[in-house]
Every structure is written in C-alpha cells, then in structure tokens.
Protein backbone atom coordinates (compact mmCIF):
# COMPACT_ATOMS: atom_id res chain seq x y z
CA MET A 1 -38.19 1.36 9.29
CA LYS A 2 -40.05 -1.01 6.90
CA GLU A 3 -37.29 -0.18 4.69
CA ALA A 4 -34.98 -1.69 7.21
CA LEU A 5 -36.22 -4.49 7.96
CA THR A 6 -36.49 -5.24 4.69
CA ILE A 7 -33.24 -4.88 3.80
CA VAL A 8 -32.19 -7.28 7.31
CA ALA A 9 -34.93 -9.68 5.71
CA ILE A 10 -33.38 -9.32 2.52
CA THR A 11 -29.57 -9.95 3.68
CA ILE A 12 -30.32 -13.05 5.88
CA GLY A 13 -32.55 -14.48 2.50
CA ILE A 14 -28.25 -13.77 0.83
CA ILE A 15 -27.08 -15.48 3.96
CA SER A 16 -29.13 -18.38 3.72
CA TYR A 17 -28.61 -18.95 0.52
CA VAL A 18 -25.10 -19.15 0.54
CA PRO A 19 -24.68 -22.82 1.61
CA TYR A 20 -27.61 -23.78 -0.85
CA PHE A 21 -25.49 -22.79 -3.46
CA ILE A 22 -22.48 -24.09 -2.58
CA GLY A 23 -23.95 -27.52 -1.88
CA ILE A 24 -25.94 -27.52 -5.39
CA PHE A 25 -22.34 -26.87 -6.73
CA LYS A 26 -20.29 -29.80 -4.19
CA LYS A 27 -23.26 -32.29 -5.66
CA THR A 28 -24.47 -32.38 -1.51
CA VAL A 29 -27.36 -30.49 -1.89
CA LYS A 30 -30.00 -31.74 -4.43
CA PRO A 31 -33.18 -29.23 -5.52
CA HIS A 32 -36.27 -30.77 -6.54
CA PRO A 33 -36.93 -29.19 -9.90
CA PHE A 34 -40.22 -29.35 -9.19
CA THR A 35 -40.59 -27.40 -5.91
CA TRP A 36 -38.42 -24.86 -6.77
CA PHE A 37 -40.15 -23.95 -10.53
CA ILE A 38 -43.62 -24.09 -8.47
CA TRP A 39 -41.91 -22.05 -5.29
CA ALA A 40 -40.54 -19.86 -7.63
CA THR A 41 -43.39 -19.21 -9.75
CA LEU A 42 -46.24 -18.48 -7.13
CA THR A 43 -43.69 -16.78 -4.93
CA GLY A 44 -44.15 -13.91 -8.40
CA ILE A 45 -47.89 -14.22 -8.01
CA ALA A 46 -47.85 -13.49 -4.17
CA PHE A 47 -45.36 -10.84 -4.56
CA PHE A 48 -47.52 -9.18 -7.18
CA ALA A 49 -50.60 -9.67 -5.37
CA GLN A 50 -48.64 -8.26 -2.69
CA LEU A 51 -47.67 -4.96 -3.97
CA LEU A 52 -51.01 -4.69 -5.06
CA ASP A 53 -52.66 -4.54 -1.61
CA GLY A 54 -50.15 -1.96 -0.73
CA GLY A 55 -47.38 -4.46 0.91
CA GLY A 56 -44.62 -2.18 0.31
CA ALA A 57 -40.96 -2.79 1.50
CA GLY A 58 -41.97 -5.74 2.58
CA SER A 59 -43.60 -7.39 -0.19
CA TRP A 60 -39.72 -6.58 -1.64
CA VAL A 61 -38.54 -9.69 0.35
CA THR A 62 -40.84 -12.52 -1.48
CA GLY A 63 -39.32 -11.09 -4.57
CA PHE A 64 -36.35 -11.24 -3.98
CA THR A 65 -37.30 -14.77 -3.18
CA ALA A 66 -38.82 -15.30 -6.42
CA MET A 67 -35.53 -14.23 -7.72
CA ILE A 68 -33.54 -16.42 -6.19
CA SER A 69 -36.62 -19.29 -7.18
CA PHE A 70 -35.78 -18.96 -10.37
CA ILE A 71 -32.50 -19.72 -10.45
CA PHE A 72 -32.63 -22.53 -8.22
CA VAL A 73 -34.77 -23.94 -10.78
CA LEU A 74 -32.02 -23.77 -13.55
CA LEU A 75 -29.72 -25.32 -11.41
CA SER A 76 -32.32 -27.68 -10.61
CA ILE A 77 -32.36 -29.29 -14.19
CA LYS A 78 -28.99 -29.70 -14.50
CA TYR A 79 -27.64 -30.93 -10.55
CA GLY A 80 -30.71 -31.21 -8.93
CA PHE A 81 -33.11 -34.89 -8.20
CA LYS A 82 -33.40 -36.58 -10.84
CA GLY A 83 -36.00 -39.29 -8.55
CA ILE A 84 -39.27 -37.85 -10.09
CA THR A 85 -42.30 -39.68 -8.60
CA ARG A 86 -45.66 -39.54 -9.67
CA THR A 87 -47.43 -37.65 -7.09
CA ASP A 88 -44.33 -35.55 -7.52
CA TRP A 89 -45.99 -34.91 -11.30
CA LEU A 90 -49.61 -34.61 -10.10
CA THR A 91 -48.06 -31.54 -7.50
CA PHE A 92 -46.66 -29.88 -10.60
CA ILE A 93 -49.41 -30.36 -12.45
CA ALA A 94 -51.44 -28.68 -9.63
CA GLY A 95 -48.82 -25.71 -9.69
CA LEU A 96 -49.60 -24.69 -13.76
CA ILE A 97 -53.23 -25.12 -12.92
CA SER A 98 -52.29 -22.36 -9.61
CA ILE A 99 -51.78 -19.90 -12.42
CA PRO A 100 -54.87 -19.03 -14.88
CA VAL A 101 -57.09 -20.05 -11.56
CA TRP A 102 -55.09 -16.69 -10.07
CA ILE A 103 -55.76 -15.01 -13.47
CA LEU A 104 -59.48 -15.63 -13.78
CA THR A 105 -59.98 -14.91 -9.73
CA ASN A 106 -58.75 -10.89 -10.71
CA ASN A 107 -59.13 -11.09 -6.48
CA PRO A 108 -55.26 -10.82 -4.95
CA LEU A 109 -56.98 -12.64 -1.24
CA TRP A 110 -58.55 -15.16 -3.43
CA SER A 111 -55.35 -15.38 -5.50
CA VAL A 112 -52.60 -15.56 -1.86
CA ILE A 113 -54.83 -18.16 -0.46
CA ILE A 114 -55.03 -20.30 -4.20
CA ILE A 115 -51.47 -19.89 -4.12
CA THR A 116 -50.60 -20.22 0.00
CA VAL A 117 -51.77 -24.03 -0.57
CA ILE A 118 -50.46 -25.14 -3.41
CA ASP A 119 -47.60 -23.64 -1.87
CA ALA A 120 -47.73 -25.61 0.80
CA LEU A 121 -48.48 -29.31 -1.00
CA ALA A 122 -45.25 -28.08 -3.48
CA PHE A 123 -43.01 -28.76 -0.34
CA PHE A 124 -44.12 -32.46 -0.38
CA PRO A 125 -41.44 -33.33 -2.83
CA THR A 126 -38.38 -32.57 -1.27
CA PHE A 127 -40.57 -33.64 2.37
CA ARG A 128 -40.41 -36.78 0.25
CA LYS A 129 -36.84 -36.37 -0.99
CA SER A 130 -35.83 -34.96 2.22
CA TRP A 131 -37.26 -37.19 4.18
CA LYS A 132 -35.14 -40.19 2.27
CA GLU A 133 -32.81 -37.94 1.90
CA PRO A 134 -32.45 -35.16 4.44
CA THR A 135 -28.33 -34.75 4.36
CA THR A 136 -29.47 -33.07 0.06
CA GLU A 137 -30.67 -30.23 1.94
CA PRO A 138 -29.19 -27.70 3.93
CA ALA A 139 -31.43 -26.87 7.16
CA ILE A 140 -29.88 -23.21 8.71
CA THR A 141 -31.29 -22.24 4.49
CA TYR A 142 -34.98 -22.82 5.49
CA ALA A 143 -34.47 -22.02 9.13
CA LEU A 144 -32.86 -18.54 7.83
CA SER A 145 -35.69 -18.16 5.61
CA SER A 146 -37.95 -18.47 8.04
CA LEU A 147 -36.85 -15.90 9.93
CA LYS A 148 -36.07 -13.47 6.49
CA PHE A 149 -40.48 -14.39 6.02
CA LEU A 150 -41.22 -12.99 9.58
CA ILE A 151 -38.86 -10.13 9.41
CA ALA A 152 -40.72 -9.04 6.50
CA ILE A 153 -43.92 -9.25 7.94
CA PHE A 154 -42.90 -6.47 10.61
CA ALA A 155 -42.12 -4.74 7.22
CA LEU A 156 -45.47 -5.23 5.32
CA GLU A 157 -46.60 -1.21 5.40
CA ALA A 158 -49.93 -2.59 4.96
CA ILE A 159 -50.88 -5.47 7.21
CA THR A 160 -54.04 -7.45 5.34
CA ALA A 161 -54.74 -11.07 4.52
CA THR A 162 -53.20 -10.71 0.85
CA THR A 163 -49.87 -9.07 2.70
CA LEU A 164 -49.30 -11.15 5.95
CA LEU A 165 -50.61 -15.24 4.68
CA TYR A 166 -48.00 -15.71 1.77
CA PRO A 167 -45.90 -14.58 3.95
CA PHE A 168 -46.81 -16.58 7.48
CA SER A 169 -47.23 -19.73 5.78
CA LEU A 170 -43.62 -19.13 4.45
CA VAL A 171 -42.88 -19.26 8.14
CA ILE A 172 -44.28 -22.27 9.07
CA MET A 173 -43.77 -24.89 6.59
CA ASN A 174 -40.03 -23.57 6.68
CA ALA A 175 -40.02 -24.22 9.77
CA ALA A 176 -41.40 -27.59 10.00
CA PHE A 177 -39.38 -28.65 7.16
CA VAL A 178 -35.82 -27.59 9.63
CA ILE A 179 -37.52 -30.36 12.09
CA MET A 180 -38.21 -32.67 10.23
CA LEU A 181 -34.83 -32.94 8.83
CA MET A 182 -33.32 -32.28 12.14
CA TYR A 183 -35.79 -35.50 13.53
CA ARG A 184 -34.60 -37.26 10.59
CA LYS A 185 -30.31 -36.51 10.52
CA MET A 186 -30.43 -37.97 14.09
CA THR A 187 -32.96 -41.02 13.55
CA LEU A 188 -30.36 -42.33 10.85
CA THR A 189 -27.21 -41.43 12.77
C-alpha cells in the first residue's frame, strides 16, 4: 500500500511539473534560481534524513522532488528570473549555511527542523517575485505539489517528527503560495 501511494504521489509530481517545464520553455514561467537551488539542496538533505529515520517508500517522493529541483536550478540559470535583490542574497546565504549546520548536528531531527525553517524562508524570493508578477509561476504546479506531499505523508513507513515535518511543511507552504497567487491574479485583472 505504501509503495502504491508513493507511485501515485510521484505521478502527481510528474504531472505537476509538466506545466512548469512548458512555461519555462515558453518563457512565461521564470523560476528564481536562488529559491530552486536552496529547495534542491534542502530537499536532498531531507530525503537522506527521512531514509535514515525509516521513511521508506514515502521518502522516495522527497528524493524525486530533489532531482527535479536540481533540473530547475539548471534551467533557471538560463531561463529564470534575473531581478535578484539583497534579501534574495541573504536568503540564499542562509540556505548555504544550513549545509554545514546539518553536517555538524549529526542528528536527523535537528537537520529536518533547520532545513524546514530555511526552506520556508527560501520561498521568500519566489513569493516576492510572484507577488509582483503572479503570472510567472503556475499555481497548478504548487497545488499538485501540495497534494503530492500530502499523499507522501501517508506513504511514510515510519511516522516520526523527522519523517513528517518536512513534507507537512511543504503541504502548507505550497498551499499558501497557491492562495497568494490566486489572490494576486484576481486583484490584478
């Protein structure tokens, strides 16, 4: 059952990224390179922390997301948002600082707590960009990502704070981002 839920979640993930990839190549979606780099790195860390704490099949969704996020990092260098601000740089540096902190903690739970907080902060550059230009991010991608991680939670083989915190935060952050995008698109039309 857990593997079936994982397959459903990854399938939703694949579907959710199709409009994002299409939008990038049509130049209507402009991924923020700092946000995607931090997300890719932190999601990779979360994946390994989940594996170490027995997350099993449910953690595969996090690993899949990390791989796709690294692809978006590469695409954002050429096709992404270029209006980088000082706050974006601060968020980016905080994300990079999390890597040695993660290594020094040598504790999966503290690692997940640290990366969950920094991951939420990493949303700021994309949130800021999208508040001004809400059409540069497809709401469907984030809505389906929220659903993907909700299903992944039920696919976790071990439900602990370490395995649960990160995907739960992604359900909340993605849903909040979708609500903001929809609000901004309605108020600008």
